[in-house]
Protein backbone atom coordinates (compact mmCIF):
# COMPACT_ATOMS: atom_id res chain seq x y z
CA MET A 1 142.84 -117.83 19.67
CA LYS A 2 143.77 -114.97 17.46
CA ARG A 3 143.16 -111.17 18.01
CA THR A 4 141.33 -109.08 15.41
CA ARG A 5 142.11 -105.83 15.50
CA ILE A 6 139.29 -103.26 16.85
CA VAL A 7 139.03 -101.31 13.64
CA GLU A 8 137.80 -104.31 11.65
CA LEU A 9 135.69 -105.42 14.69
CA LEU A 10 133.85 -101.87 14.39
CA ASN A 11 133.00 -103.14 11.06
CA SER A 12 132.71 -106.39 11.00
CA SER A 13 129.05 -107.82 9.86
CA ASN A 14 130.04 -111.54 11.96
CA LEU A 15 127.67 -110.91 14.78
CA GLY A 16 127.51 -114.02 16.77
CA GLU A 17 130.99 -115.50 16.43
CA THR A 18 133.28 -115.69 19.16
CA VAL A 19 136.25 -113.58 18.72
CA CYS A 20 139.31 -111.94 20.54
CA ALA A 21 140.04 -108.27 21.29
CA LYS A 22 143.77 -106.88 22.82
CA GLY A 23 144.41 -103.64 23.92
CA TRP A 24 144.67 -101.14 26.75
CA VAL A 25 141.44 -99.42 28.58
CA ARG A 26 140.48 -96.23 28.25
CA THR A 27 137.58 -96.48 30.79
CA ARG A 28 135.49 -98.90 33.10
CA ARG A 29 132.21 -97.80 34.24
CA GLY A 30 129.36 -99.40 35.35
CA ASN A 31 127.19 -100.71 38.35
CA LYS A 32 127.27 -103.88 40.84
CA ASN A 33 126.02 -106.35 37.96
CA ILE A 34 127.65 -105.03 35.31
CA ALA A 35 130.84 -103.08 33.78
CA PHE A 36 131.40 -101.38 30.50
CA ILE A 37 135.01 -101.22 29.63
CA ALA A 38 136.06 -99.02 26.73
CA LEU A 39 138.98 -101.07 24.94
CA ASN A 40 141.55 -99.52 22.21
CA ASP A 41 144.52 -100.99 20.51
CA GLY A 42 145.21 -98.04 18.27
CA SER A 43 144.11 -99.81 15.02
CA THR A 44 141.27 -96.66 14.84
CA ILE A 45 140.40 -93.37 17.35
CA ASN A 46 137.24 -95.62 18.07
CA ASN A 47 136.90 -97.57 21.14
CA ILE A 48 135.00 -100.95 21.31
CA GLN A 49 133.20 -101.77 24.24
CA ILE A 50 133.38 -104.80 26.05
CA VAL A 51 130.12 -105.64 28.58
CA VAL A 52 131.05 -107.60 31.29
CA ASP A 53 128.82 -109.66 33.41
CA LEU A 54 130.15 -109.39 36.98
CA SER A 55 128.54 -112.55 38.37
CA CYS A 56 130.83 -114.35 35.68
CA PHE A 57 133.94 -112.93 37.04
CA ASP A 58 135.97 -112.85 40.34
CA GLU A 59 135.17 -109.37 41.87
CA GLU A 60 139.48 -109.93 42.99
CA PHE A 61 140.83 -110.89 39.49
CA LEU A 62 139.07 -107.48 37.80
CA LYS A 63 140.51 -104.92 40.38
CA PRO A 64 143.47 -104.41 38.04
CA VAL A 65 140.95 -103.28 34.90
CA THR A 66 141.62 -99.72 35.07
CA THR A 67 142.34 -97.18 33.03
CA GLY A 68 145.73 -97.94 31.31
CA ALA A 69 145.58 -101.65 31.80
CA CYS A 70 146.67 -103.61 29.41
CA ILE A 71 144.00 -106.56 28.42
CA GLY A 72 142.79 -109.65 26.53
CA VAL A 73 139.20 -110.38 26.23
CA THR A 74 137.46 -113.37 24.65
CA GLY A 75 133.44 -113.01 23.92
CA LEU A 76 130.76 -112.79 21.54
CA LEU A 77 130.54 -109.85 19.26
CA VAL A 78 127.35 -108.55 19.43
CA GLU A 79 125.00 -105.92 17.73
CA SER A 80 125.80 -102.61 20.34
CA GLN A 81 122.70 -101.57 22.34
CA GLY A 82 124.14 -97.83 23.06
CA GLN A 83 125.15 -95.36 20.22
CA GLY A 84 128.33 -94.41 18.34
CA GLN A 85 129.04 -97.70 17.48
CA ASN A 86 127.93 -101.02 15.17
CA THR A 87 129.19 -103.71 17.80
CA GLU A 88 130.74 -104.22 20.93
CA ILE A 89 131.73 -107.46 22.57
CA GLN A 90 129.98 -109.66 25.33
CA ALA A 91 133.38 -110.46 27.43
CA GLN A 92 133.59 -114.68 28.19
CA GLU A 93 137.44 -114.28 29.49
CA ILE A 94 139.33 -111.62 30.32
CA GLU A 95 143.37 -111.51 30.76
CA VAL A 96 145.11 -109.13 32.03
CA TYR A 97 148.60 -108.35 30.64
CA GLY A 98 149.60 -105.23 32.69
CA ALA A 99 147.91 -103.39 34.97
CA ALA A 100 148.08 -99.26 35.33
CA ASP A 101 148.05 -98.24 39.19
CA PRO A 102 145.60 -95.92 38.87
CA SER A 103 147.65 -93.57 41.74
CA VAL A 104 150.82 -93.20 39.96
CA TYR A 105 149.67 -94.16 36.13
CA PRO A 106 149.71 -90.51 34.60
CA LEU A 107 147.00 -90.68 32.17
CA GLN A 108 144.84 -91.56 34.71
CA LYS A 109 142.65 -88.60 33.91
CA LYS A 110 141.33 -86.90 30.73
CA GLY A 111 142.18 -83.38 29.69
CA HIS A 112 145.74 -83.01 29.83
CA SER A 113 147.42 -79.96 28.27
CA LEU A 114 149.65 -80.86 25.36
CA GLU A 115 152.33 -79.36 27.56
CA PHE A 116 151.77 -81.56 29.69
CA LEU A 117 151.70 -84.83 27.33
CA ARG A 118 155.21 -83.64 25.76
CA GLU A 119 156.66 -84.28 29.59
CA ILE A 120 155.96 -87.86 28.99
CA ALA A 121 156.26 -88.24 25.46
CA TYR A 122 156.79 -92.40 26.13
CA LEU A 123 153.06 -92.42 27.16
CA ARG A 124 151.53 -89.59 24.78
CA PRO A 125 150.89 -92.05 21.79
CA ARG A 126 148.35 -93.78 23.73
CA THR A 127 146.11 -90.95 23.78
CA ASN A 128 143.46 -90.19 21.32
CA THR A 129 145.18 -87.13 20.21
CA PHE A 130 148.32 -88.41 19.66
CA GLY A 131 146.93 -91.68 17.88
CA ALA A 132 145.44 -89.83 15.97
CA ILE A 133 148.31 -87.78 14.84
CA PHE A 134 150.54 -90.84 14.94
CA ARG A 135 148.35 -92.65 12.57
CA LEU A 136 148.09 -89.64 9.77
CA ARG A 137 151.79 -89.60 10.12
CA HIS A 138 151.65 -93.32 8.92
CA HIS A 139 149.17 -92.88 6.17
CA LEU A 140 151.02 -89.44 5.00
CA ALA A 141 154.36 -91.00 4.62
CA PHE A 142 152.75 -94.13 2.27
CA ALA A 143 151.10 -91.64 0.45
CA ILE A 144 154.50 -89.74 -0.24
CA HIS A 145 156.27 -93.39 -1.54
CA GLU A 146 153.03 -94.08 -3.39
CA TYR A 147 152.62 -90.80 -5.24
CA PHE A 148 156.34 -90.81 -6.44
CA ASN A 149 155.93 -94.44 -7.36
CA LYS A 150 153.09 -93.59 -9.86
CA GLN A 151 155.19 -91.04 -11.36
CA GLY A 152 158.04 -92.93 -12.01
CA PHE A 153 160.58 -91.44 -9.52
CA TYR A 154 163.38 -93.73 -7.42
CA TYR A 155 163.83 -93.42 -4.07
CA PHE A 156 167.36 -92.16 -3.39
CA HIS A 157 169.27 -92.94 -0.33
CA THR A 158 171.03 -89.98 1.14
CA PRO A 159 173.89 -90.18 3.40
CA LEU A 160 173.08 -88.98 6.91
CA ILE A 161 176.97 -87.89 7.43
CA THR A 162 178.00 -85.50 5.30
CA GLY A 163 181.19 -83.18 4.59
CA SER A 164 179.03 -80.54 2.89
CA ASP A 165 176.45 -77.62 4.56
CA ALA A 166 173.59 -77.80 1.88
CA GLU A 167 171.63 -74.88 3.01
CA GLY A 168 175.67 -72.91 3.85
CA ALA A 169 173.91 -71.77 6.81
CA GLY A 170 176.42 -73.57 9.47
CA SER A 171 174.04 -75.01 11.62
CA MET A 172 175.04 -78.08 11.68
CA PHE A 173 175.59 -80.82 14.78
CA GLN A 174 179.21 -82.27 14.05
CA VAL A 175 180.09 -85.77 14.12
CA THR A 176 183.54 -87.21 15.34
CA THR A 177 185.63 -89.80 17.28
CA LEU A 178 188.13 -87.54 18.60
CA ASP A 179 188.42 -86.98 22.25
CA MET A 180 187.17 -83.24 22.29
CA ASN A 181 188.98 -82.36 25.67
CA HIS A 182 192.21 -83.17 24.25
CA PRO A 183 191.78 -83.19 20.57
CA PRO A 184 194.81 -83.52 17.98
CA LYS A 185 196.12 -80.66 17.03
CA THR A 186 197.92 -79.00 13.68
CA ALA A 187 200.81 -76.75 13.70
CA GLU A 188 198.79 -73.91 13.36
CA GLY A 189 196.75 -74.99 16.51
CA LYS A 190 193.68 -75.79 14.77
CA ILE A 191 192.21 -79.14 15.12
CA ASP A 192 193.44 -81.99 13.07
CA TYR A 193 190.74 -83.69 11.68
CA SER A 194 193.03 -85.84 9.74
CA GLN A 195 193.01 -88.36 12.61
CA ASP A 196 188.92 -88.75 12.70
CA PHE A 197 187.62 -91.24 11.44
CA PHE A 198 186.53 -90.11 8.34
CA GLY A 199 189.54 -87.90 8.32
CA HIS A 200 188.14 -84.59 7.90
CA ALA A 201 185.55 -82.44 9.44
CA THR A 202 182.09 -83.89 9.26
CA ASN A 203 178.30 -83.77 10.23
CA LEU A 204 174.64 -84.49 10.08
CA THR A 205 173.19 -83.70 7.31
CA VAL A 206 170.77 -80.85 6.50
CA SER A 207 169.49 -81.45 3.77
CA GLY A 208 169.57 -84.27 1.45
CA GLN A 209 169.47 -81.98 -1.68
CA LEU A 210 172.38 -81.98 -3.19
CA GLU A 211 173.14 -85.80 -3.10
CA GLY A 212 169.59 -85.94 -4.73
CA GLU A 213 171.08 -83.81 -7.53
CA LEU A 214 173.45 -86.87 -8.43
CA GLY A 215 170.83 -89.23 -8.36
CA ALA A 216 168.44 -87.01 -10.92
CA MET A 217 171.66 -86.74 -13.10
CA ALA A 218 171.67 -90.45 -13.55
CA LEU A 219 168.11 -91.72 -12.97
CA GLY A 220 165.85 -89.00 -14.23
CA GLY A 221 163.66 -88.23 -11.46
CA VAL A 222 164.50 -89.11 -7.82
CA TYR A 223 163.18 -88.22 -4.07
CA THR A 224 164.95 -88.42 -0.79
CA PHE A 225 162.42 -88.81 2.25
CA GLY A 226 164.67 -89.44 5.35
CA PRO A 227 165.93 -87.37 9.04
CA THR A 228 167.71 -84.05 8.55
CA PHE A 229 169.57 -81.93 11.40
CA ARG A 230 169.64 -78.44 12.19
CA ALA A 231 171.46 -77.34 15.17
CA GLU A 232 170.09 -74.07 15.31
CA ASN A 233 169.23 -72.69 19.39
CA SER A 234 164.85 -72.17 18.48
CA ASN A 235 162.48 -72.22 21.09
CA THR A 236 159.73 -71.83 18.44
CA PRO A 237 156.69 -73.44 17.90
CA ARG A 238 157.69 -74.06 14.08
CA HIS A 239 161.47 -75.67 14.71
CA LEU A 240 163.01 -79.27 15.67
CA ALA A 241 166.68 -79.82 15.85
CA GLU A 242 165.78 -83.14 14.00
CA PHE A 243 162.95 -83.85 11.62
CA TRP A 244 161.83 -85.28 8.44
CA MET A 245 162.65 -83.95 4.76
CA ILE A 246 161.03 -85.09 1.30
CA GLU A 247 163.25 -83.82 -1.52
CA PRO A 248 162.60 -84.54 -4.86
CA GLU A 249 165.10 -83.56 -8.03
CA VAL A 250 164.42 -83.89 -11.20
CA ALA A 251 166.37 -83.59 -14.53
CA PHE A 252 165.30 -81.37 -17.34
CA TYR A 253 162.49 -79.71 -15.38
CA GLU A 254 162.16 -76.08 -15.47
CA ILE A 255 160.98 -73.98 -12.60
CA ASP A 256 157.08 -73.91 -14.08
CA ASP A 257 157.48 -77.59 -14.27
CA ASN A 258 158.72 -77.83 -10.84
CA MET A 259 155.84 -75.78 -9.34
CA ASP A 260 153.36 -78.29 -11.30
CA LEU A 261 154.87 -81.11 -8.96
CA ALA A 262 154.75 -79.44 -5.95
CA GLU A 263 150.84 -78.36 -6.63
CA ASP A 264 150.37 -81.69 -7.80
CA PHE A 265 152.03 -83.44 -5.20
CA LEU A 266 150.22 -81.78 -2.19
CA LYS A 267 146.87 -82.22 -3.70
CA TYR A 268 147.42 -85.88 -3.38
CA LEU A 269 148.58 -86.07 -0.16
CA ILE A 270 145.61 -84.04 1.40
CA ARG A 271 143.50 -85.66 -0.84
CA TYR A 272 144.58 -89.07 0.51
CA ALA A 273 144.71 -87.82 4.32
CA LEU A 274 140.72 -87.17 3.62
CA GLU A 275 139.93 -90.48 1.87
CA ASN A 276 141.81 -92.43 4.58
CA CYS A 277 142.01 -90.98 7.58
CA ARG A 278 138.89 -89.70 7.98
CA ASP A 279 137.73 -90.55 11.67
CA ASP A 280 140.97 -89.34 12.83
CA LEU A 281 140.45 -86.01 10.85
CA GLU A 282 136.90 -85.81 12.39
CA PHE A 283 138.67 -85.89 15.61
CA LEU A 284 141.39 -83.45 15.56
CA CYS A 285 138.10 -81.19 13.77
CA LYS A 286 135.98 -81.24 16.87
CA MET A 287 138.72 -81.21 19.42
CA TYR A 288 141.07 -78.86 18.27
CA ASP A 289 140.52 -76.88 14.67
CA ASN A 290 136.81 -76.53 13.85
CA GLU A 291 138.16 -75.24 10.39
CA LEU A 292 140.49 -78.24 9.45
CA ILE A 293 138.52 -80.12 6.71
CA ASP A 294 137.31 -77.16 5.35
CA ARG A 295 140.76 -75.70 4.76
CA LEU A 296 141.66 -78.87 3.82
CA ASN A 297 139.32 -79.39 0.81
CA PHE A 298 140.41 -75.46 0.45
CA VAL A 299 143.33 -76.68 -0.89
CA ILE A 300 142.46 -79.39 -3.32
CA ASN A 301 139.64 -77.46 -4.70
CA ASN A 302 141.53 -74.28 -5.65
CA ASP A 303 144.46 -73.92 -8.09
CA PHE A 304 147.61 -72.32 -6.42
CA VAL A 305 147.86 -68.57 -7.46
CA ARG A 306 151.79 -67.93 -8.93
CA LEU A 307 153.25 -64.76 -8.48
CA THR A 308 156.63 -63.12 -8.50
CA TYR A 309 158.35 -62.32 -5.34
CA THR A 310 158.25 -58.51 -6.31
CA GLU A 311 154.62 -58.77 -7.13
CA GLY A 312 154.11 -60.04 -4.25
CA VAL A 313 156.16 -57.16 -2.22
CA GLU A 314 153.91 -54.61 -4.26
CA ILE A 315 150.96 -56.23 -2.67
CA LEU A 316 151.90 -56.16 0.64
CA GLU A 317 153.39 -52.71 0.52
CA LYS A 318 149.60 -51.22 -0.66
CA SER A 319 147.86 -53.58 1.54
CA GLY A 320 147.93 -51.03 4.56
CA GLN A 321 148.38 -54.08 6.75
CA SER A 322 150.49 -53.34 9.67
CA PHE A 323 153.20 -56.26 10.02
CA GLU A 324 155.77 -56.69 12.70
CA PHE A 325 158.44 -57.10 10.18
CA PRO A 326 159.11 -54.21 7.45
CA VAL A 327 158.17 -55.29 3.65
CA TYR A 328 160.38 -53.98 1.51
CA TRP A 329 162.53 -55.49 -2.05
CA GLY A 330 165.18 -57.38 -0.16
CA ALA A 331 163.26 -58.61 2.44
CA ASP A 332 163.14 -62.26 3.75
CA LEU A 333 159.36 -62.51 4.31
CA GLN A 334 157.73 -63.40 7.06
CA SER A 335 155.01 -65.62 8.20
CA GLU A 336 152.50 -63.32 8.69
CA HIS A 337 153.36 -61.36 4.85
CA GLU A 338 152.92 -65.30 3.28
CA ARG A 339 149.65 -65.84 5.26
CA TYR A 340 148.48 -62.55 3.87
CA LEU A 341 148.77 -63.21 0.37
CA VAL A 342 147.18 -66.59 0.88
CA GLU A 343 144.40 -65.64 3.76
CA LYS A 344 143.41 -62.26 2.81
CA HIS A 345 144.57 -61.21 -0.40
CA PHE A 346 144.41 -64.15 -2.98
CA LYS A 347 142.00 -66.64 -0.62
CA ARG A 348 144.38 -69.49 -2.44
CA PRO A 349 147.36 -71.29 -1.92
CA VAL A 350 150.22 -69.28 -3.71
CA ILE A 351 153.17 -70.07 -5.11
CA LEU A 352 155.81 -67.44 -5.00
CA THR A 353 158.90 -67.31 -7.92
CA ASP A 354 161.95 -65.17 -8.74
CA TYR A 355 163.73 -64.34 -4.90
CA PRO A 356 165.67 -61.73 -4.80
CA LYS A 357 169.45 -63.94 -4.79
CA GLU A 358 171.18 -62.21 -1.54
CA ILE A 359 168.41 -63.98 0.35
CA LYS A 360 168.48 -67.36 -1.19
CA SER A 361 171.13 -70.39 -1.84
CA PHE A 362 173.71 -70.36 -3.83
CA TYR A 363 172.69 -72.91 -5.88
CA MET A 364 169.33 -71.46 -7.19
CA LYS A 365 169.84 -70.50 -11.20
CA GLN A 366 170.52 -66.91 -11.93
CA ASN A 367 167.81 -65.17 -13.78
CA GLU A 368 168.92 -62.74 -16.70
CA ASP A 369 168.27 -59.60 -14.30
CA GLY A 370 171.46 -60.39 -12.05
CA LYS A 371 169.35 -59.66 -9.15
CA THR A 372 166.79 -62.76 -8.90
CA VAL A 373 166.78 -66.45 -8.71
CA ARG A 374 164.39 -69.34 -9.65
CA GLY A 375 163.69 -69.78 -6.13
CA MET A 376 159.92 -70.74 -4.96
CA ASP A 377 158.08 -70.87 -2.07
CA VAL A 378 154.67 -72.76 -1.42
CA LEU A 379 152.44 -70.74 0.42
CA PHE A 380 149.65 -72.53 2.79
CA PRO A 381 146.72 -70.89 5.11
CA LYS A 382 147.80 -70.40 8.83
CA ILE A 383 151.26 -72.31 8.28
CA GLY A 384 152.95 -69.99 5.60
CA GLU A 385 156.13 -71.59 3.81
CA ILE A 386 155.56 -75.13 3.28
CA ILE A 387 157.55 -75.98 0.47
CA GLY A 388 160.77 -74.40 -0.62
CA GLY A 389 162.57 -74.94 -3.90
CA SER A 390 164.36 -73.66 -7.21
CA GLN A 391 165.58 -74.52 -10.67
CA ARG A 392 169.07 -75.17 -9.70
CA GLU A 393 172.04 -73.24 -11.49
CA GLU A 394 173.38 -75.58 -13.94
CA SER A 395 176.12 -73.85 -15.54
CA TYR A 396 179.63 -74.52 -13.86
CA GLU A 397 180.97 -70.87 -14.42
CA LYS A 398 177.94 -69.38 -12.87
CA LEU A 399 177.86 -71.51 -9.77
CA MET A 400 181.21 -70.74 -9.22
CA LYS A 401 180.95 -67.04 -9.90
CA ARG A 402 178.07 -67.56 -7.16
CA ILE A 403 180.33 -69.19 -4.52
CA ASP A 404 182.95 -66.78 -4.72
CA GLU A 405 180.70 -63.75 -3.84
CA LEU A 406 179.40 -65.29 -1.10
CA ASN A 407 183.58 -66.57 -0.02
CA MET A 408 182.18 -70.33 0.28
CA SER A 409 184.99 -73.05 0.44
CA THR A 410 184.51 -75.32 -2.50
CA GLU A 411 186.86 -77.68 -0.52
CA CYS A 412 183.75 -79.98 0.21
CA LEU A 413 181.30 -79.17 -2.84
CA TRP A 414 184.25 -80.35 -5.91
CA TRP A 415 181.90 -83.44 -6.47
CA TYR A 416 179.23 -80.99 -6.77
CA LEU A 417 180.92 -79.03 -8.78
CA ASP A 418 182.44 -81.26 -11.19
CA THR A 419 178.35 -82.46 -12.00
CA ARG A 420 178.93 -79.20 -13.68
CA LYS A 421 181.54 -80.36 -15.84
CA PHE A 422 180.37 -83.40 -16.93
CA GLY A 423 176.76 -83.80 -18.74
CA THR A 424 175.36 -80.33 -16.66
CA ALA A 425 171.51 -80.23 -17.44
CA PRO A 426 169.11 -78.47 -16.35
CA HIS A 427 167.03 -79.70 -13.01
CA SER A 428 165.00 -78.44 -10.55
CA GLY A 429 163.74 -79.90 -7.40
CA PHE A 430 162.01 -78.65 -3.68
CA GLY A 431 162.06 -79.80 -0.10
CA LEU A 432 159.11 -80.34 1.82
CA GLY A 433 159.20 -80.77 6.11
CA PHE A 434 157.16 -83.66 6.72
CA GLU A 435 156.16 -82.17 9.88
CA ARG A 436 155.12 -79.07 8.15
CA LEU A 437 152.88 -80.89 6.01
CA ILE A 438 151.66 -83.39 9.54
CA LEU A 439 150.97 -79.26 11.28
CA PHE A 440 148.80 -78.45 8.55
CA VAL A 441 146.84 -81.51 8.14
CA THR A 442 146.29 -82.40 11.49
CA GLY A 443 145.46 -78.68 12.77
CA MET A 444 148.16 -78.84 15.63
CA ALA A 445 149.84 -75.40 16.27
CA ASN A 446 153.22 -77.16 17.52
CA ILE A 447 155.70 -78.70 15.43
CA ARG A 448 156.64 -80.76 19.12
CA ASP A 449 153.17 -82.27 18.69
CA VAL A 450 153.34 -84.01 15.51
CA ILE A 451 156.75 -86.13 15.40
CA PRO A 452 156.87 -88.87 18.12
CA PHE A 453 159.85 -88.24 20.34
CA PRO A 454 160.73 -84.18 19.52
CA ARG A 455 164.54 -82.64 19.16
CA THR A 456 164.37 -79.57 20.43
CA PRO A 457 166.96 -77.24 22.69
CA ASN A 458 167.40 -78.73 26.30
CA ASN A 459 165.24 -81.73 24.89
CA ALA A 460 166.51 -85.51 24.39
CA GLU A 461 165.45 -87.69 26.71
CA PHE A 462 163.25 -89.92 25.44
């Protein structure tokens, strides 16, 4: 018989029908006459109750039906006699697909810490917490594509292997086929990458932005959505070595257009989660963060405050607040500064603009004052910066001057610079870290808990 997903069975009005459910046993309880099995198949946070008349089944046959076992159940869908669910299944047939020995199954008991579950990442999707998180992750990924498609943007695939460093930070994972124990050398004693697979040094990308700009200069509006990699030795709750980025790039957008897009985009995604993932959000709200749903509504119900970096620094300097990191004009603002502006001063999301050029990337459009650039950061409660972006510098001369000031090599960026020679145009874009978004929407505290298999220093087992 064809299986029906549990989310559909729980909302079905076809009582009295014979149905088939398949999934994993969450709990089994009962007495010598009757057993109650809570079954979950991942389609919903909620379990369906299987009622088993033990007189109809061999006792030995049912012994493997314990927490973690995978079973199929055929039976009558009836109105539930218990609270918290509309329907349940009166079992007629049970098939055991895979047992889970209670003496060794790691998820036999409830209440495991998130730290413990990270050590068994291959099993943690079976828990209520991670089932909810990964369903939300799916829905938000879908909403991202839906939003940009509705706005007329094109999904643009940028390379994972690149010869350029978009951020200029140098923290990149090298890609090579050379024998690094005995690499070929040049006459100067350096590694001869001309003998490598691509003919020069290559790395895993830190951003699809630069290539995304090329797409915007032809298609008008594009977005990238894919994995990026940073070889930073950071063991913090906010950093991953492999993470996903959403990066729209739009021709003819000035900085104000960019801010409008970022605000509308974020509100769309959060509204989508509230409308389509309510059960999962309510579970996470109850178990981890009882202010979660209020905070999500807070974002979609308030206009974002827009002010310059200079104005933000003045507010922080006059706040009387004691910060761990000192505040002064030219400082790279930390999460504590960003959250103060959002949570205590304005009590609304904030977009900061016009940052000192010394603390921002080379490609940002320079303002007339010669000191600041048209960068923008979107700041959220609890998390701080969630989006970073800018209007891009379209002037070849200004871009070259900035590259010279930073002593950057143009060897791997010649193609990027050429776009400023041939039909250059004003354009803007931003990057949204997908895991940062999931952190905010789920209320989780550690970024390692919102990606199925986190890649961090000394951790790439699963």
